[in-house]
Protein backbone atom coordinates (compact mmCIF):
# COMPACT_ATOMS: atom_id res chain seq x y z
CA UNK A 1 -18.70 -0.48 -10.27
CA UNK A 2 -19.81 2.35 -7.63
CA UNK A 3 -18.21 5.78 -7.87
CA UNK A 4 -18.55 8.13 -5.54
CA UNK A 5 -21.05 11.55 -5.48
CA UNK A 6 -19.20 14.15 -6.89
CA UNK A 7 -19.72 17.74 -4.53
CA UNK A 8 -17.43 20.30 -5.74
CA UNK A 9 -15.11 22.72 -2.68
CA UNK A 10 -14.43 25.89 -4.36
CA UNK A 11 -11.71 26.07 -2.07
CA UNK A 12 -9.76 23.26 -3.35
CA UNK A 13 -7.72 22.88 -6.96
CA UNK A 14 -9.11 21.95 -10.08
CA UNK A 15 -6.55 19.67 -10.82
CA UNK A 16 -4.40 17.22 -8.33
CA UNK A 17 -1.15 15.71 -9.81
CA UNK A 18 -0.67 12.14 -7.96
CA UNK A 19 2.99 11.09 -7.96
CA UNK A 20 2.73 7.47 -7.86
CA UNK A 21 5.31 5.39 -5.53
CA UNK A 22 4.38 1.68 -5.22
CA UNK A 23 7.10 0.62 -7.84
CA UNK A 24 9.80 1.83 -5.76
CA UNK A 25 8.55 2.61 -2.80
CA UNK A 26 5.80 0.30 -2.73
CA UNK A 27 7.89 -2.50 -3.32
CA UNK A 28 11.57 -1.88 -1.96
CA UNK A 29 10.32 -3.55 0.92
CA UNK A 30 8.95 -6.85 -0.24
CA UNK A 31 11.00 -9.73 1.31
CA UNK A 32 10.18 -11.70 -1.75
CA UNK A 33 12.23 -10.93 -5.03
CA UNK A 34 10.06 -9.44 -7.29
CA UNK A 35 10.53 -10.71 -10.92
CA UNK A 36 11.83 -7.46 -13.24
CA UNK A 37 8.80 -8.10 -15.56
CA UNK A 38 6.27 -8.12 -13.20
CA UNK A 39 7.49 -4.60 -11.88
CA UNK A 40 7.45 -3.74 -15.90
CA UNK A 41 4.15 -4.91 -16.33
CA UNK A 42 2.80 -2.73 -13.33
CA UNK A 43 4.35 0.33 -14.39
CA UNK A 44 2.91 0.01 -17.61
CA UNK A 45 -0.79 -0.93 -15.83
CA UNK A 46 -0.41 1.89 -13.81
CA UNK A 47 0.55 4.18 -16.52
CA UNK A 48 -2.50 2.65 -18.48
CA UNK A 49 -4.83 3.99 -15.85
CA UNK A 50 -4.04 7.19 -15.98
CA UNK A 51 -0.83 7.80 -14.03
CA UNK A 52 1.26 9.91 -15.25
CA UNK A 53 4.10 10.49 -12.59
CA UNK A 54 5.13 6.74 -11.93
CA UNK A 55 8.52 6.19 -9.78
CA UNK A 56 10.10 3.76 -11.49
CA UNK A 57 13.09 2.26 -9.32
CA UNK A 58 16.16 3.61 -7.36
CA UNK A 59 19.90 3.44 -8.31
CA UNK A 60 20.70 2.44 -4.72
CA UNK A 61 23.28 -0.21 -3.79
CA UNK A 62 21.76 -3.18 -4.13
CA UNK A 63 23.48 -4.31 -0.53
CA UNK A 64 21.19 -2.19 0.95
CA UNK A 65 17.77 -2.87 -1.02
CA UNK A 66 18.43 -5.64 -2.88
CA UNK A 67 14.68 -5.89 -3.94
CA UNK A 68 15.75 -2.84 -6.64
CA UNK A 69 19.19 -4.01 -7.66
CA UNK A 70 17.36 -4.78 -10.95
CA UNK A 71 17.48 -0.94 -11.94
CA UNK A 72 19.54 -1.28 -14.87
CA UNK A 73 17.48 -4.25 -16.43
CA UNK A 74 14.08 -2.43 -15.48
CA UNK A 75 14.46 1.17 -16.49
CA UNK A 76 15.01 0.02 -20.54
CA UNK A 77 12.03 -2.13 -20.60
CA UNK A 78 9.85 1.05 -19.57
CA UNK A 79 10.89 3.37 -22.56
CA UNK A 80 8.29 3.25 -24.36
CA UNK A 81 6.39 5.62 -21.79
CA UNK A 82 8.95 7.64 -21.84
CA UNK A 83 7.11 10.41 -24.12
CA UNK A 84 3.71 10.05 -21.98
CA UNK A 85 4.82 9.64 -18.58
CA UNK A 86 7.45 10.76 -15.92
CA UNK A 87 9.73 8.15 -14.84
CA UNK A 88 11.36 9.27 -11.65
CA UNK A 89 14.34 7.32 -9.98
CA UNK A 90 15.77 7.57 -6.73
CA UNK A 91 19.64 8.25 -6.69
CA UNK A 92 21.36 8.49 -3.36
CA UNK A 93 24.67 9.67 -4.34
CA UNK A 94 26.79 10.85 -7.68
CA UNK A 95 27.36 7.24 -8.58
CA UNK A 96 23.52 6.21 -8.60
CA UNK A 97 23.10 9.64 -10.71
CA UNK A 98 25.90 8.27 -13.16
CA UNK A 99 24.27 4.80 -13.43
CA UNK A 100 20.63 6.66 -13.90
CA UNK A 101 21.64 9.26 -16.58
CA UNK A 102 23.59 6.58 -18.29
CA UNK A 103 19.97 5.17 -19.22
CA UNK A 104 18.49 8.48 -19.93
CA UNK A 105 16.31 9.21 -16.89
CA UNK A 106 14.87 12.77 -16.70
CA UNK A 107 13.47 13.14 -13.31
CA UNK A 108 15.91 12.14 -10.40
CA UNK A 109 14.99 12.31 -6.80
CA UNK A 110 17.36 12.57 -3.82
CA UNK A 111 16.06 11.44 -0.10
CA UNK A 112 17.46 13.78 2.88
CA UNK A 113 16.19 13.66 6.07
CA UNK A 114 14.48 16.14 8.99
CA UNK A 115 16.59 14.56 11.93
CA UNK A 116 19.55 13.76 12.55
CA UNK A 117 18.65 10.15 14.33
CA UNK A 118 17.06 8.78 11.03
CA UNK A 119 20.27 10.71 8.84
CA UNK A 120 21.96 8.03 10.71
CA UNK A 121 19.68 5.16 10.32
CA UNK A 122 19.12 5.70 6.69
CA UNK A 123 22.20 7.08 5.48
CA UNK A 124 24.96 6.92 8.06
CA UNK A 125 25.49 10.32 8.27
CA UNK A 126 24.42 13.56 9.91
CA UNK A 127 21.80 15.90 8.49
CA UNK A 128 24.51 18.20 7.54
CA UNK A 129 26.90 15.68 5.94
CA UNK A 130 23.72 13.88 3.94
CA UNK A 131 23.27 17.08 2.71
CA UNK A 132 26.65 18.07 1.44
CA UNK A 133 26.55 14.80 -0.29
CA UNK A 134 23.48 15.27 -2.25
CA UNK A 135 24.66 19.00 -3.53
CA UNK A 136 27.15 17.70 -6.18
CA UNK A 137 24.44 15.18 -7.12
CA UNK A 138 21.39 17.95 -7.39
CA UNK A 139 24.12 20.25 -9.66
CA UNK A 140 25.55 17.91 -11.80
CA UNK A 141 21.31 16.39 -12.37
CA UNK A 142 20.67 20.02 -13.14
CA UNK A 143 23.29 20.80 -15.56
CA UNK A 144 22.06 17.77 -17.41
CA UNK A 145 18.63 18.92 -18.01
CA UNK A 146 17.27 16.65 -15.01
CA UNK A 147 14.72 17.56 -12.88
CA UNK A 148 15.58 16.85 -9.35
CA UNK A 149 12.98 16.15 -6.49
CA UNK A 150 14.32 16.37 -2.78
CA UNK A 151 12.53 13.69 -0.49
CA UNK A 152 12.28 14.75 3.34
CA UNK A 153 11.41 11.89 5.52
CA UNK A 154 10.15 12.59 9.29
CA UNK A 155 8.52 15.80 9.02
CA UNK A 156 6.42 15.29 11.60
CA UNK A 157 7.55 12.60 14.04
CA UNK A 158 10.49 10.52 14.42
CA UNK A 159 10.65 7.14 16.26
CA UNK A 160 13.78 7.81 17.96
CA UNK A 161 12.99 11.68 18.38
CA UNK A 162 9.54 12.40 19.31
CA UNK A 163 7.21 15.36 17.25
CA UNK A 164 9.88 17.41 14.42
CA UNK A 165 9.54 21.03 15.25
CA UNK A 166 8.06 23.08 11.97
CA UNK A 167 10.88 25.10 12.26
CA UNK A 168 13.86 22.03 11.77
CA UNK A 169 11.83 20.93 9.35
CA UNK A 170 11.83 24.17 7.43
CA UNK A 171 15.95 24.74 7.71
CA UNK A 172 16.10 21.49 5.97
CA UNK A 173 14.06 22.47 3.16
CA UNK A 174 15.59 25.45 2.56
CA UNK A 175 19.02 23.74 2.18
CA UNK A 176 17.36 21.68 -0.42
CA UNK A 177 15.99 24.26 -2.39
CA UNK A 178 18.70 26.47 -2.58
CA UNK A 179 21.05 23.69 -3.84
CA UNK A 180 18.56 23.44 -6.80
CA UNK A 181 15.84 20.80 -6.07
CA UNK A 182 12.75 21.60 -8.19
CA UNK A 183 10.11 20.38 -5.69
CA UNK A 184 10.17 19.01 -2.61
CA UNK A 185 7.81 16.23 -0.76
CA UNK A 186 7.32 16.60 2.96
CA UNK A 187 7.23 12.88 4.40
CA UNK A 188 4.97 11.83 7.49
CA UNK A 189 7.50 8.61 7.77
CA UNK A 190 5.36 6.96 10.50
CA UNK A 191 2.20 8.11 10.04
CA UNK A 192 1.81 10.55 13.05
CA UNK A 193 1.01 13.60 11.69
CA UNK A 194 -2.33 15.32 12.15
CA UNK A 195 -4.13 17.87 10.10
CA UNK A 196 -2.99 20.73 12.65
CA UNK A 197 0.54 20.11 12.37
CA UNK A 198 0.38 19.46 8.77
CA UNK A 199 -1.36 22.97 8.62
CA UNK A 200 1.14 24.78 10.73
CA UNK A 201 4.38 23.44 8.55
CA UNK A 202 3.10 24.85 4.99
CA UNK A 203 2.47 27.55 6.40
CA UNK A 204 6.00 27.94 8.12
CA UNK A 205 7.62 26.81 5.09
CA UNK A 206 5.69 29.54 3.19
CA UNK A 207 7.01 32.11 6.28
CA UNK A 208 10.06 31.07 4.90
CA UNK A 209 10.11 31.87 1.32
CA UNK A 210 9.25 28.56 -0.23
CA UNK A 211 6.25 28.70 -2.08
CA UNK A 212 3.39 25.87 -2.12
CA UNK A 213 3.85 24.95 -5.80
CA UNK A 214 6.95 23.62 -5.57
CA UNK A 215 5.51 21.13 -2.10
CA UNK A 216 4.21 17.69 -2.67
CA UNK A 217 3.08 15.36 0.14
CA UNK A 218 3.92 12.02 1.04
CA UNK A 219 1.59 10.71 4.03
CA UNK A 220 1.54 7.41 5.82
CA UNK A 221 -1.35 5.87 7.20
CA UNK A 222 -0.31 4.19 10.27
CA UNK A 223 -3.26 5.73 12.42
CA UNK A 224 -5.38 6.58 9.44
CA UNK A 225 -5.00 9.97 9.42
CA UNK A 226 -3.36 10.13 5.70
CA UNK A 227 -6.69 11.46 3.96
CA UNK A 228 -7.52 13.93 6.20
CA UNK A 229 -4.10 15.27 6.61
CA UNK A 230 -3.90 15.36 2.43
CA UNK A 231 -7.29 17.59 2.50
CA UNK A 232 -5.50 19.71 5.04
CA UNK A 233 -2.73 20.04 2.12
CA UNK A 234 -5.01 20.38 -0.65
CA UNK A 235 -6.80 23.15 0.90
CA UNK A 236 -3.70 25.00 1.32
CA UNK A 237 -3.18 24.88 -2.20
CA UNK A 238 -0.86 21.76 -2.34
CA UNK A 239 -1.55 20.16 -5.86
CA UNK A 240 0.88 17.05 -5.86
CA UNK A 241 0.42 14.14 -3.60
CA UNK A 242 2.52 10.95 -3.05
CA UNK A 243 0.51 7.88 -3.37
CA UNK A 244 1.50 4.10 -3.50
CA UNK A 245 -1.08 1.78 -5.75
CA UNK A 246 -2.77 -0.49 -3.55
CA UNK A 247 -1.73 0.85 -0.30
CA UNK A 248 1.88 -0.97 -0.76
CA UNK A 249 5.20 -0.01 1.41
CA UNK A 250 6.52 1.08 4.35
CA UNK A 251 10.06 2.26 5.43
CA UNK A 252 12.95 -0.58 6.02
CA UNK A 253 14.98 1.70 7.91
CA UNK A 254 11.55 2.78 10.38
CA UNK A 255 9.90 -0.42 12.12
CA UNK A 256 6.72 1.43 12.58
CA UNK A 257 5.99 2.82 9.32
CA UNK A 258 3.48 0.93 7.73
CA UNK A 259 1.73 1.70 4.35
CA UNK A 260 1.63 4.47 2.88
CA UNK A 261 -1.58 6.36 1.57
CA UNK A 262 -3.59 4.16 -1.15
CA UNK A 263 -3.87 5.56 -4.51
CA UNK A 264 -7.19 4.28 -4.53
CA UNK A 265 -8.76 5.66 -1.70
CA UNK A 266 -6.76 8.80 -2.52
CA UNK A 267 -8.63 8.75 -6.11
CA UNK A 268 -11.71 8.04 -4.39
CA UNK A 269 -11.86 11.29 -2.37
CA UNK A 270 -10.66 13.15 -4.91
CA UNK A 271 -13.00 11.86 -7.14
CA UNK A 272 -15.55 13.04 -4.69
CA UNK A 273 -14.70 16.34 -4.74
CA UNK A 274 -14.47 16.64 -8.47
CA UNK A 275 -11.02 17.06 -8.55
CA UNK A 276 -9.32 16.14 -11.85
CA UNK A 277 -6.57 14.09 -11.46
CA UNK A 278 -6.68 11.80 -15.05
CA UNK A 279 -6.98 8.59 -13.20
CA UNK A 280 -9.38 5.66 -14.07
CA UNK A 281 -10.26 3.78 -10.70
CA UNK A 282 -11.66 0.93 -12.39
CA UNK A 283 -8.47 0.14 -13.79
CA UNK A 284 -6.49 1.41 -10.98
CA UNK A 285 -7.96 -1.29 -9.03
CA UNK A 286 -7.48 -3.83 -11.35
CA UNK A 287 -3.93 -3.21 -11.45
CA UNK A 288 -3.49 -3.40 -7.57
CA UNK A 289 -5.97 -6.84 -7.37
CA UNK A 290 -3.61 -8.14 -10.06
CA UNK A 291 -0.19 -6.92 -8.22
CA UNK A 292 -1.53 -8.29 -4.78
CA UNK A 293 -2.34 -11.85 -6.72
CA UNK A 294 1.50 -11.15 -7.85
CA UNK A 295 2.68 -10.87 -4.02
CA UNK A 296 0.16 -13.35 -2.63
CA UNK A 297 -1.83 -11.69 -0.32
CA UNK A 298 -4.79 -9.29 -0.09
CA UNK A 299 -4.32 -5.21 -0.69
CA UNK A 300 -4.63 -3.15 2.25
CA UNK A 301 -6.68 -0.40 0.36
CA UNK A 302 -9.97 -0.05 1.56
CA UNK A 303 -11.11 1.08 -1.70
CA UNK A 304 -9.20 -1.69 -3.49
CA UNK A 305 -11.22 -4.15 -1.17
CA UNK A 306 -14.65 -2.66 -1.24
CA UNK A 307 -14.65 -2.28 -5.31
CA UNK A 308 -13.27 -5.83 -5.57
CA UNK A 309 -15.63 -7.04 -3.85
CA UNK A 310 -18.53 -6.00 -5.75
CA UNK A 311 -17.24 -7.31 -8.94
CA UNK A 312 -16.69 -10.69 -7.17
């Protein structure tokens, strides 16, 4: 298998933590139900490829995301991984948190919006109402010893509102940090961000007292900008990058949102920069090829297509 030539850049971090979202964010939009056993196998294969943070599922009401209705059945099938792999789960409210904690979840995430339009579409609440709903969730999760991530969607652009001012994003980020979130994930939900916008937002967050080491980035590749935006974030010191194996996923409430940044594309770039991820690209590619076969269509990841073609 071809591997990238390594040329290190001293301005970049020595190690990056990949926050793998394929099993949750990647699969939640699939129309055909993916069997619980396939999801469990997918997560085990991702762990075998070296990923040490793999978002497992969401404890949302089955009515809203039917694909993840099997959270109670899936999570116990992953407990053999729990010592070596962090298995975050999304919890939309206190009821979802109760379900997650009852199964022993140690990492949870809430999902907020930087814009009013998306908060209404996704949560049927205003931004402030959604934050008020999350506050007891975060407080109780922290009291139970769980690590809490705050996802923030529409950080760069919104299909209804257009470009999103950095100050608007920073205000919501500050609220999430103040309520107790351990880390934040900055989401480019419809993939419109460009590097200058990314750099400006990161500076604004730092100026507001939110340190870079509490930030992760979550880019979609709608306009082919996900890797360039990621590189910009790395140059700012960000060391947590969300990605989805095989480029799976989108957002069911934002019709213009295409796939997430493919984990393989990210690993190819990071390997070439000499940045340690702990991920075996060959195993990861094989996992995404396998998952594509389960879904009945080829992987959208350019790296998966290129490397799997070499194997034929």
